[in-house]
Amino acid sequence: MSYIKTIPPQDTKEMSSELVVAYQELGKRASQARILQLQSLHPEAMLHHYKFYESLMYKPSPLSRKFREMIAFVVSKTNGCHY
């Protein structure tokens, strides 16, 4: 549960045009990853955050994809995150 005001993808009445574009660009990922919705009041940051995540998890790296997922899991578990 978030203590930060968010605008979920289905709440089109409150959305700025920038947020509409950001949600369209993110597609399904925005409704699945609530951490992106935490940045719904700052759509530019939301897009930058996702691009950063995408780079860390999917671009070539000395760490295997499996190992990166393990790190993400342990960090989420340690932080009490349900992801």
PDB file of N, CA and C in Angstrom:
ATOM      1  N   MET A   1       0.844  -1.186   0.000  1.00  0.00           N
ATOM      2  CA  MET A   1       0.000   0.000   0.000  1.00  0.00           C
ATOM      3  C   MET A   1       0.882   1.239   0.000  1.00  0.00           C
ATOM      4  N   SER A   2       0.505   2.177  -0.820  1.00  0.00           N
ATOM      5  CA  SER A   2       1.281   3.401  -0.954  1.00  0.00           C
ATOM      6  C   SER A   2       0.694   4.520  -0.101  1.00  0.00           C
ATOM      7  N   TYR A   3       1.562   5.287   0.512  1.00  0.00           N
ATOM      8  CA  TYR A   3       1.133   6.466   1.258  1.00  0.00           C
ATOM      9  C   TYR A   3       1.278   7.717   0.403  1.00  0.00           C
ATOM     10  N   ILE A   4       1.748   7.521  -0.794  1.00  0.00           N
ATOM     11  CA  ILE A   4       1.936   8.620  -1.746  1.00  0.00           C
ATOM     12  C   ILE A   4       0.733   8.640  -2.679  1.00  0.00           C
ATOM     13  N   LYS A   5       0.211   9.810  -2.953  1.00  0.00           N
ATOM     14  CA  LYS A   5      -0.912   9.920  -3.892  1.00  0.00           C
ATOM     15  C   LYS A   5      -0.456   9.411  -5.257  1.00  0.00           C
ATOM     16  N   THR A   6      -1.251   8.545  -5.832  1.00  0.00           N
ATOM     17  CA  THR A   6      -0.950   8.029  -7.161  1.00  0.00           C
ATOM     18  C   THR A   6      -2.165   8.190  -8.065  1.00  0.00           C
ATOM     19  N   ILE A   7      -1.895   8.148  -9.348  1.00  0.00           N
ATOM     20  CA  ILE A   7      -2.975   8.155 -10.338  1.00  0.00           C
ATOM     21  C   ILE A   7      -2.823   6.863 -11.134  1.00  0.00           C
ATOM     22  N   PRO A   8      -3.657   5.862 -10.849  1.00  0.00           N
ATOM     23  CA  PRO A   8      -3.535   4.582 -11.547  1.00  0.00           C
ATOM     24  C   PRO A   8      -3.929   4.711 -13.022  1.00  0.00           C
ATOM     25  N   PRO A   9      -3.477   3.783 -13.852  1.00  0.00           N
ATOM     26  CA  PRO A   9      -3.738   3.854 -15.294  1.00  0.00           C
ATOM     27  C   PRO A   9      -5.215   3.939 -15.674  1.00  0.00           C
ATOM     28  N   GLN A  10      -6.082   3.369 -14.853  1.00  0.00           N
ATOM     29  CA  GLN A  10      -7.510   3.381 -15.187  1.00  0.00           C
ATOM     30  C   GLN A  10      -8.229   4.678 -14.777  1.00  0.00           C
ATOM     31  N   ASP A  11      -7.557   5.554 -14.039  1.00  0.00           N
ATOM     32  CA  ASP A  11      -8.166   6.793 -13.560  1.00  0.00           C
ATOM     33  C   ASP A  11      -7.867   7.941 -14.526  1.00  0.00           C
ATOM     34  N   THR A  12      -8.481   7.895 -15.679  1.00  0.00           N
ATOM     35  CA  THR A  12      -8.158   8.845 -16.751  1.00  0.00           C
ATOM     36  C   THR A  12      -8.625  10.277 -16.466  1.00  0.00           C
ATOM     37  N   LYS A  13      -9.572  10.453 -15.539  1.00  0.00           N
ATOM     38  CA  LYS A  13     -10.085  11.798 -15.263  1.00  0.00           C
ATOM     39  C   LYS A  13      -9.026  12.733 -14.680  1.00  0.00           C
ATOM     40  N   GLU A  14      -8.149  12.191 -13.843  1.00  0.00           N
ATOM     41  CA  GLU A  14      -7.145  13.019 -13.163  1.00  0.00           C
ATOM     42  C   GLU A  14      -5.840  13.172 -13.926  1.00  0.00           C
ATOM     43  N   MET A  15      -5.693  12.480 -15.040  1.00  0.00           N
ATOM     44  CA  MET A  15      -4.409  12.432 -15.734  1.00  0.00           C
ATOM     45  C   MET A  15      -4.093  13.668 -16.546  1.00  0.00           C
ATOM     46  N   SER A  16      -2.825  14.059 -16.472  1.00  0.00           N
ATOM     47  CA  SER A  16      -2.319  15.100 -17.361  1.00  0.00           C
ATOM     48  C   SER A  16      -2.038  14.435 -18.708  1.00  0.00           C
ATOM     49  N   SER A  17      -1.884  15.226 -19.737  1.00  0.00           N
ATOM     50  CA  SER A  17      -1.582  14.657 -21.056  1.00  0.00           C
ATOM     51  C   SER A  17      -0.239  13.926 -21.039  1.00  0.00           C
ATOM     52  N   GLU A  18       0.718  14.426 -20.231  1.00  0.00           N
ATOM     53  CA  GLU A  18       2.025  13.765 -20.126  1.00  0.00           C
ATOM     54  C   GLU A  18       1.886  12.375 -19.505  1.00  0.00           C
ATOM     55  N   LEU A  19       1.014  12.258 -18.505  1.00  0.00           N
ATOM     56  CA  LEU A  19       0.816  10.965 -17.855  1.00  0.00           C
ATOM     57  C   LEU A  19       0.124   9.988 -18.804  1.00  0.00           C
ATOM     58  N   VAL A  20      -0.817  10.468 -19.577  1.00  0.00           N
ATOM     59  CA  VAL A  20      -1.482   9.610 -20.566  1.00  0.00           C
ATOM     60  C   VAL A  20      -0.441   9.025 -21.516  1.00  0.00           C
ATOM     61  N   VAL A  21       0.451   9.869 -22.013  1.00  0.00           N
ATOM     62  CA  VAL A  21       1.506   9.417 -22.925  1.00  0.00           C
ATOM     63  C   VAL A  21       2.427   8.420 -22.235  1.00  0.00           C
ATOM     64  N   ALA A  22       2.806   8.703 -20.989  1.00  0.00           N
ATOM     65  CA  ALA A  22       3.695   7.806 -20.238  1.00  0.00           C
ATOM     66  C   ALA A  22       3.045   6.439 -20.056  1.00  0.00           C
ATOM     67  N   TYR A  23       1.780   6.418 -19.648  1.00  0.00           N
ATOM     68  CA  TYR A  23       1.089   5.144 -19.464  1.00  0.00           C
ATOM     69  C   TYR A  23       0.951   4.399 -20.789  1.00  0.00           C
ATOM     70  N   GLN A  24       0.707   5.119 -21.871  1.00  0.00           N
ATOM     71  CA  GLN A  24       0.619   4.462 -23.175  1.00  0.00           C
ATOM     72  C   GLN A  24       1.963   3.836 -23.547  1.00  0.00           C
ATOM     73  N   GLU A  25       3.052   4.543 -23.270  1.00  0.00           N
ATOM     74  CA  GLU A  25       4.379   4.034 -23.586  1.00  0.00           C
ATOM     75  C   GLU A  25       4.719   2.799 -22.744  1.00  0.00           C
ATOM     76  N   LEU A  26       4.317   2.808 -21.494  1.00  0.00           N
ATOM     77  CA  LEU A  26       4.614   1.689 -20.602  1.00  0.00           C
ATOM     78  C   LEU A  26       3.681   0.504 -20.815  1.00  0.00           C
ATOM     79  N   GLY A  27       2.505   0.762 -21.348  1.00  0.00           N
ATOM     80  CA  GLY A  27       1.558  -0.316 -21.616  1.00  0.00           C
ATOM     81  C   GLY A  27       1.170  -1.066 -20.357  1.00  0.00           C
ATOM     82  N   LYS A  28       1.101  -2.386 -20.450  1.00  0.00           N
ATOM     83  CA  LYS A  28       0.686  -3.249 -19.327  1.00  0.00           C
ATOM     84  C   LYS A  28       1.601  -3.128 -18.117  1.00  0.00           C
ATOM     85  N   ARG A  29       2.868  -2.832 -18.366  1.00  0.00           N
ATOM     86  CA  ARG A  29       3.829  -2.765 -17.256  1.00  0.00           C
ATOM     87  C   ARG A  29       3.385  -1.791 -16.180  1.00  0.00           C
ATOM     88  N   ALA A  30       2.732  -0.704 -16.567  1.00  0.00           N
ATOM     89  CA  ALA A  30       2.317   0.316 -15.595  1.00  0.00           C
ATOM     90  C   ALA A  30       1.259  -0.212 -14.637  1.00  0.00           C
ATOM     91  N   SER A  31       0.365  -1.049 -15.121  1.00  0.00           N
ATOM     92  CA  SER A  31      -0.666  -1.580 -14.218  1.00  0.00           C
ATOM     93  C   SER A  31      -0.138  -2.743 -13.394  1.00  0.00           C
ATOM     94  N   GLN A  32       0.907  -3.412 -13.872  1.00  0.00           N
ATOM     95  CA  GLN A  32       1.465  -4.544 -13.147  1.00  0.00           C
ATOM     96  C   GLN A  32       2.489  -4.119 -12.103  1.00  0.00           C
ATOM     97  N   ALA A  33       3.252  -3.077 -12.384  1.00  0.00           N
ATOM     98  CA  ALA A  33       4.312  -2.633 -11.472  1.00  0.00           C
ATOM     99  C   ALA A  33       3.868  -1.361 -10.757  1.00  0.00           C
ATOM    100  N   ARG A  34       3.333  -1.530  -9.579  1.00  0.00           N
ATOM    101  CA  ARG A  34       2.823  -0.375  -8.828  1.00  0.00           C
ATOM    102  C   ARG A  34       3.908   0.632  -8.487  1.00  0.00           C
ATOM    103  N   ILE A  35       5.150   0.177  -8.476  1.00  0.00           N
ATOM    104  CA  ILE A  35       6.232   1.117  -8.176  1.00  0.00           C
ATOM    105  C   ILE A  35       6.292   2.220  -9.240  1.00  0.00           C
ATOM    106  N   LEU A  36       5.893   1.899 -10.455  1.00  0.00           N
ATOM    107  CA  LEU A  36       5.846   2.930 -11.499  1.00  0.00           C
ATOM    108  C   LEU A  36       4.728   3.929 -11.207  1.00  0.00           C
ATOM    109  N   GLN A  37       3.608   3.434 -10.703  1.00  0.00           N
ATOM    110  CA  GLN A  37       2.485   4.319 -10.392  1.00  0.00           C
ATOM    111  C   GLN A  37       2.820   5.312  -9.283  1.00  0.00           C
ATOM    112  N   LEU A  38       3.792   4.978  -8.443  1.00  0.00           N
ATOM    113  CA  LEU A  38       4.208   5.919  -7.396  1.00  0.00           C
ATOM    114  C   LEU A  38       4.741   7.209  -8.002  1.00  0.00           C
ATOM    115  N   GLN A  39       5.172   7.134  -9.233  1.00  0.00           N
ATOM    116  CA  GLN A  39       5.718   8.313  -9.891  1.00  0.00           C
ATOM    117  C   GLN A  39       4.720   8.951 -10.860  1.00  0.00           C
ATOM    118  N   SER A  40       3.466   8.605 -10.710  1.00  0.00           N
ATOM    119  CA  SER A  40       2.443   9.108 -11.633  1.00  0.00           C
ATOM    120  C   SER A  40       2.270  10.625 -11.577  1.00  0.00           C
ATOM    121  N   LEU A  41       2.690  11.249 -10.483  1.00  0.00           N
ATOM    122  CA  LEU A  41       2.605  12.714 -10.410  1.00  0.00           C
ATOM    123  C   LEU A  41       3.778  13.376 -11.136  1.00  0.00           C
ATOM    124  N   HIS A  42       4.725  12.568 -11.573  1.00  0.00           N
ATOM    125  CA  HIS A  42       5.893  13.066 -12.311  1.00  0.00           C
ATOM    126  C   HIS A  42       6.179  12.080 -13.454  1.00  0.00           C
ATOM    127  N   PRO A  43       5.387  12.153 -14.533  1.00  0.00           N
ATOM    128  CA  PRO A  43       5.477  11.179 -15.627  1.00  0.00           C
ATOM    129  C   PRO A  43       6.875  11.052 -16.238  1.00  0.00           C
ATOM    130  N   GLU A  44       7.601  12.148 -16.322  1.00  0.00           N
ATOM    131  CA  GLU A  44       8.950  12.078 -16.892  1.00  0.00           C
ATOM    132  C   GLU A  44       9.844  11.186 -16.029  1.00  0.00           C
ATOM    133  N   ALA A  45       9.751  11.332 -14.710  1.00  0.00           N
ATOM    134  CA  ALA A  45      10.529  10.484 -13.798  1.00  0.00           C
ATOM    135  C   ALA A  45      10.101   9.025 -13.935  1.00  0.00           C
ATOM    136  N   MET A  46       8.809   8.792 -14.119  1.00  0.00           N
ATOM    137  CA  MET A  46       8.293   7.434 -14.289  1.00  0.00           C
ATOM    138  C   MET A  46       8.965   6.759 -15.484  1.00  0.00           C
ATOM    139  N   LEU A  47       9.032   7.460 -16.591  1.00  0.00           N
ATOM    140  CA  LEU A  47       9.645   6.896 -17.795  1.00  0.00           C
ATOM    141  C   LEU A  47      11.144   6.681 -17.606  1.00  0.00           C
ATOM    142  N   HIS A  48      11.823   7.635 -16.976  1.00  0.00           N
ATOM    143  CA  HIS A  48      13.251   7.485 -16.721  1.00  0.00           C
ATOM    144  C   HIS A  48      13.515   6.302 -15.783  1.00  0.00           C
ATOM    145  N   HIS A  49      12.674   6.167 -14.768  1.00  0.00           N
ATOM    146  CA  HIS A  49      12.817   5.052 -13.835  1.00  0.00           C
ATOM    147  C   HIS A  49      12.694   3.724 -14.564  1.00  0.00           C
ATOM    148  N   TYR A  50      11.700   3.604 -15.445  1.00  0.00           N
ATOM    149  CA  TYR A  50      11.528   2.336 -16.159  1.00  0.00           C
ATOM    150  C   TYR A  50      12.702   2.054 -17.099  1.00  0.00           C
ATOM    151  N   LYS A  51      13.174   3.088 -17.774  1.00  0.00           N
ATOM    152  CA  LYS A  51      14.315   2.896 -18.674  1.00  0.00           C
ATOM    153  C   LYS A  51      15.562   2.463 -17.891  1.00  0.00           C
ATOM    154  N   PHE A  52      15.743   3.029 -16.697  1.00  0.00           N
ATOM    155  CA  PHE A  52      16.853   2.643 -15.835  1.00  0.00           C
ATOM    156  C   PHE A  52      16.713   1.178 -15.425  1.00  0.00           C
ATOM    157  N   TYR A  53      15.529   0.795 -14.977  1.00  0.00           N
ATOM    158  CA  TYR A  53      15.262  -0.591 -14.593  1.00  0.00           C
ATOM    159  C   TYR A  53      15.514  -1.535 -15.771  1.00  0.00           C
ATOM    160  N   GLU A  54      14.989  -1.169 -16.929  1.00  0.00           N
ATOM    161  CA  GLU A  54      15.155  -1.988 -18.129  1.00  0.00           C
ATOM    162  C   GLU A  54      16.639  -2.187 -18.456  1.00  0.00           C
ATOM    163  N   SER A  55      17.403  -1.128 -18.316  1.00  0.00           N
ATOM    164  CA  SER A  55      18.834  -1.194 -18.572  1.00  0.00           C
ATOM    165  C   SER A  55      19.525  -2.127 -17.569  1.00  0.00           C
ATOM    166  N   LEU A  56      19.203  -1.976 -16.288  1.00  0.00           N
ATOM    167  CA  LEU A  56      19.815  -2.824 -15.258  1.00  0.00           C
ATOM    168  C   LEU A  56      19.475  -4.298 -15.434  1.00  0.00           C
ATOM    169  N   MET A  57      18.250  -4.581 -15.800  1.00  0.00           N
ATOM    170  CA  MET A  57      17.801  -5.968 -15.819  1.00  0.00           C
ATOM    171  C   MET A  57      18.005  -6.680 -17.157  1.00  0.00           C
ATOM    172  N   TYR A  58      17.996  -5.942 -18.261  1.00  0.00           N
ATOM    173  CA  TYR A  58      17.982  -6.601 -19.567  1.00  0.00           C
ATOM    174  C   TYR A  58      19.194  -6.333 -20.464  1.00  0.00           C
ATOM    175  N   LYS A  59      19.913  -5.274 -20.224  1.00  0.00           N
ATOM    176  CA  LYS A  59      21.065  -4.957 -21.085  1.00  0.00           C
ATOM    177  C   LYS A  59      22.245  -5.854 -20.718  1.00  0.00           C
ATOM    178  N   PRO A  60      23.207  -5.975 -21.626  1.00  0.00           N
ATOM    179  CA  PRO A  60      24.390  -6.795 -21.324  1.00  0.00           C
ATOM    180  C   PRO A  60      25.060  -6.331 -20.030  1.00  0.00           C
ATOM    181  N   SER A  61      25.522  -7.319 -19.251  1.00  0.00           N
ATOM    182  CA  SER A  61      26.100  -7.047 -17.940  1.00  0.00           C
ATOM    183  C   SER A  61      27.034  -8.186 -17.565  1.00  0.00           C
ATOM    184  N   PRO A  62      28.004  -7.920 -16.689  1.00  0.00           N
ATOM    185  CA  PRO A  62      28.830  -9.019 -16.196  1.00  0.00           C
ATOM    186  C   PRO A  62      28.018 -10.007 -15.335  1.00  0.00           C
ATOM    187  N   LEU A  63      26.877  -9.556 -14.828  1.00  0.00           N
ATOM    188  CA  LEU A  63      26.008 -10.425 -14.023  1.00  0.00           C
ATOM    189  C   LEU A  63      24.976 -11.099 -14.925  1.00  0.00           C
ATOM    190  N   SER A  64      24.713 -12.358 -14.671  1.00  0.00           N
ATOM    191  CA  SER A  64      23.691 -13.057 -15.457  1.00  0.00           C
ATOM    192  C   SER A  64      22.307 -12.493 -15.123  1.00  0.00           C
ATOM    193  N   ARG A  65      21.378 -12.713 -16.019  1.00  0.00           N
ATOM    194  CA  ARG A  65      19.989 -12.276 -15.798  1.00  0.00           C
ATOM    195  C   ARG A  65      19.440 -12.950 -14.537  1.00  0.00           C
ATOM    196  N   LYS A  66      19.728 -14.223 -14.393  1.00  0.00           N
ATOM    197  CA  LYS A  66      19.253 -14.976 -13.229  1.00  0.00           C
ATOM    198  C   LYS A  66      19.794 -14.365 -11.925  1.00  0.00           C
ATOM    199  N   PHE A  67      21.062 -14.003 -11.922  1.00  0.00           N
ATOM    200  CA  PHE A  67      21.667 -13.423 -10.726  1.00  0.00           C
ATOM    201  C   PHE A  67      21.061 -12.057 -10.420  1.00  0.00           C
ATOM    202  N   ARG A  68      20.803 -11.269 -11.457  1.00  0.00           N
ATOM    203  CA  ARG A  68      20.167  -9.949 -11.245  1.00  0.00           C
ATOM    204  C   ARG A  68      18.775 -10.113 -10.648  1.00  0.00           C
ATOM    205  N   GLU A  69      18.018 -11.099 -11.124  1.00  0.00           N
ATOM    206  CA  GLU A  69      16.690 -11.368 -10.573  1.00  0.00           C
ATOM    207  C   GLU A  69      16.796 -11.792  -9.104  1.00  0.00           C
ATOM    208  N   MET A  70      17.805 -12.601  -8.803  1.00  0.00           N
ATOM    209  CA  MET A  70      18.008 -13.019  -7.413  1.00  0.00           C
ATOM    210  C   MET A  70      18.283 -11.819  -6.519  1.00  0.00           C
ATOM    211  N   ILE A  71      19.127 -10.907  -6.969  1.00  0.00           N
ATOM    212  CA  ILE A  71      19.432  -9.696  -6.201  1.00  0.00           C
ATOM    213  C   ILE A  71      18.154  -8.895  -5.982  1.00  0.00           C
ATOM    214  N   ALA A  72      17.368  -8.717  -7.044  1.00  0.00           N
ATOM    215  CA  ALA A  72      16.116  -7.955  -6.942  1.00  0.00           C
ATOM    216  C   ALA A  72      15.164  -8.618  -5.943  1.00  0.00           C
ATOM    217  N   PHE A  73      15.094  -9.948  -5.977  1.00  0.00           N
ATOM    218  CA  PHE A  73      14.226 -10.671  -5.054  1.00  0.00           C
ATOM    219  C   PHE A  73      14.664 -10.460  -3.603  1.00  0.00           C
ATOM    220  N   VAL A  74      15.944 -10.613  -3.331  1.00  0.00           N
ATOM    221  CA  VAL A  74      16.454 -10.482  -1.965  1.00  0.00           C
ATOM    222  C   VAL A  74      16.236  -9.060  -1.448  1.00  0.00           C
ATOM    223  N   VAL A  75      16.498  -8.066  -2.279  1.00  0.00           N
ATOM    224  CA  VAL A  75      16.290  -6.672  -1.869  1.00  0.00           C
ATOM    225  C   VAL A  75      14.811  -6.429  -1.579  1.00  0.00           C
ATOM    226  N   SER A  76      13.933  -6.904  -2.459  1.00  0.00           N
ATOM    227  CA  SER A  76      12.488  -6.731  -2.241  1.00  0.00           C
ATOM    228  C   SER A  76      12.027  -7.426  -0.963  1.00  0.00           C
ATOM    229  N   LYS A  77      12.493  -8.629  -0.755  1.00  0.00           N
ATOM    230  CA  LYS A  77      12.117  -9.399   0.440  1.00  0.00           C
ATOM    231  C   LYS A  77      12.613  -8.689   1.703  1.00  0.00           C
ATOM    232  N   THR A  78      13.849  -8.204   1.660  1.00  0.00           N
ATOM    233  CA  THR A  78      14.428  -7.495   2.807  1.00  0.00           C
ATOM    234  C   THR A  78      13.643  -6.222   3.126  1.00  0.00           C
ATOM    235  N   ASN A  79      13.147  -5.561   2.079  1.00  0.00           N
ATOM    236  CA  ASN A  79      12.393  -4.322   2.251  1.00  0.00           C
ATOM    237  C   ASN A  79      10.900  -4.567   2.518  1.00  0.00           C
ATOM    238  N   GLY A  80      10.490  -5.830   2.580  1.00  0.00           N
ATOM    239  CA  GLY A  80       9.081  -6.140   2.835  1.00  0.00           C
ATOM    240  C   GLY A  80       8.192  -5.857   1.646  1.00  0.00           C
ATOM    241  N   CYS A  81       8.771  -5.853   0.463  1.00  0.00           N
ATOM    242  CA  CYS A  81       8.018  -5.582  -0.772  1.00  0.00           C
ATOM    243  C   CYS A  81       7.449  -6.893  -1.305  1.00  0.00           C
ATOM    244  N   HIS A  82       6.241  -6.874  -1.812  1.00  0.00           N
ATOM    245  CA  HIS A  82       5.606  -8.109  -2.289  1.00  0.00           C
ATOM    246  C   HIS A  82       6.023  -8.510  -3.701  1.00  0.00           C
ATOM    247  N   TYR A  83       6.859  -7.734  -4.360  1.00  0.00           N
ATOM    248  CA  TYR A  83       7.241  -8.061  -5.754  1.00  0.00           C
ATOM    249  C   TYR A  83       8.084  -9.299  -5.802  1.00  0.00           C
TER     250      TYR A  83
END
